[in-house]
């Protein structure tokens, strides 16, 4: 996202900031949903201690992994630039 002079414009810096915020927020929501889905039964039902611990640890681990995967995937997609919305089209407005 650099222009020919090597310095970023204000619009480019703003776009990077917005995309980073989107990546972090969407990853946090995804991680919270996954944690709740995996760990929820352990928190809602009276399960044996080993099962509760396993579900909570699995929920935490999966949430952390998916958080980082989501952040990286959003930022890599942003770095590659916009993709055509329809095959054979180079401009979404065409």
Protein backbone atom coordinates (compact mmCIF):
# COMPACT_ATOMS: atom_id res chain seq x y z
CA UNK A 1 0.00 0.00 0.00
CA UNK A 2 2.89 2.40 -0.54
CA UNK A 3 2.92 5.02 -3.23
CA UNK A 4 5.95 5.64 -5.47
CA UNK A 5 7.55 8.11 -3.03
CA UNK A 6 7.77 5.50 -0.27
CA UNK A 7 5.58 7.51 2.13
CA UNK A 8 1.99 6.64 2.85
CA UNK A 9 -0.77 9.16 2.35
CA UNK A 10 -3.21 9.99 5.13
CA UNK A 11 -5.90 7.97 3.34
CA UNK A 12 -3.62 4.92 3.22
CA UNK A 13 -2.78 5.26 6.92
CA UNK A 14 -6.47 5.61 7.75
CA UNK A 15 -7.31 2.52 5.68
CA UNK A 16 -4.65 0.51 7.52
CA UNK A 17 -5.97 1.68 10.88
CA UNK A 18 -9.56 0.80 10.00
CA UNK A 19 -8.59 -2.61 8.62
CA UNK A 20 -6.51 -3.41 11.70
CA UNK A 21 -9.40 -2.44 13.97
CA UNK A 22 -11.78 -4.57 11.92
CA UNK A 23 -9.39 -7.54 12.07
CA UNK A 24 -9.06 -7.28 15.86
CA UNK A 25 -12.78 -6.75 16.54
CA UNK A 26 -13.99 -9.50 14.22
CA UNK A 27 -11.37 -11.87 15.67
CA UNK A 28 -12.47 -11.06 19.22
CA UNK A 29 -16.12 -11.74 18.36
CA UNK A 30 -15.21 -15.01 16.65
CA UNK A 31 -13.05 -16.09 19.61
CA UNK A 32 -15.82 -15.27 22.09
CA UNK A 33 -18.41 -17.20 20.09
CA UNK A 34 -16.15 -20.24 19.75
CA UNK A 35 -15.22 -20.15 23.43
CA UNK A 36 -18.90 -19.96 24.38
CA UNK A 37 -19.88 -22.77 22.04
CA UNK A 38 -17.14 -25.12 23.24
CA UNK A 39 -17.03 -24.18 26.93
CA UNK A 40 -20.72 -23.38 27.33
CA UNK A 41 -21.84 -26.88 28.28
CA UNK A 42 -19.18 -27.01 31.01
CA UNK A 43 -20.40 -23.73 32.43
CA UNK A 44 -24.12 -24.51 32.15
CA UNK A 45 -24.35 -28.16 33.15
CA UNK A 46 -23.08 -30.11 36.11
CA UNK A 47 -20.37 -32.21 34.45
CA UNK A 48 -17.54 -34.19 36.03
CA UNK A 49 -14.56 -32.01 36.95
CA UNK A 50 -12.32 -33.56 34.29
CA UNK A 51 -14.87 -32.94 31.55
CA UNK A 52 -15.39 -29.34 32.66
CA UNK A 53 -11.66 -28.66 32.68
CA UNK A 54 -11.22 -30.27 29.27
CA UNK A 55 -14.02 -28.26 27.68
CA UNK A 56 -12.83 -24.96 29.15
CA UNK A 57 -9.21 -25.61 28.11
CA UNK A 58 -10.29 -26.70 24.63
CA UNK A 59 -12.47 -23.59 24.31
CA UNK A 60 -9.62 -21.33 25.37
CA UNK A 61 -7.12 -22.98 23.07
CA UNK A 62 -9.41 -22.97 20.06
CA UNK A 63 -10.44 -19.35 20.70
CA UNK A 64 -6.80 -18.20 20.81
CA UNK A 65 -5.89 -20.10 17.65
CA UNK A 66 -8.90 -18.79 15.72
CA UNK A 67 -8.27 -15.24 16.95
CA UNK A 68 -4.79 -15.20 15.42
CA UNK A 69 -5.88 -16.99 12.24
CA UNK A 70 -8.67 -14.43 11.73
CA UNK A 71 -6.38 -11.43 12.30
CA UNK A 72 -3.73 -12.76 9.92
CA UNK A 73 -6.24 -13.71 7.22
CA UNK A 74 -7.95 -10.30 7.27
CA UNK A 75 -4.66 -8.40 7.15
CA UNK A 76 -3.18 -10.59 4.39
CA UNK A 77 -6.33 -10.15 2.31
CA UNK A 78 -6.12 -6.37 2.87
CA UNK A 79 -2.46 -6.29 1.83
CA UNK A 80 -3.27 -8.07 -1.46
CA UNK A 81 -5.72 -5.33 -2.36
CA UNK A 82 -9.29 -5.37 -3.62
CA UNK A 83 -10.44 -8.30 -5.70
CA UNK A 84 -12.85 -7.94 -8.63
CA UNK A 85 -16.43 -8.53 -7.51
CA UNK A 86 -17.34 -10.48 -10.64
CA UNK A 87 -15.20 -12.71 -12.84
CA UNK A 88 -13.78 -10.87 -15.83
CA UNK A 89 -14.42 -7.45 -14.31
CA UNK A 90 -11.61 -5.23 -13.13
CA UNK A 91 -13.75 -2.48 -11.62
CA UNK A 92 -16.69 -3.22 -9.29
CA UNK A 93 -18.59 -0.29 -10.83
CA UNK A 94 -18.34 -1.54 -14.41
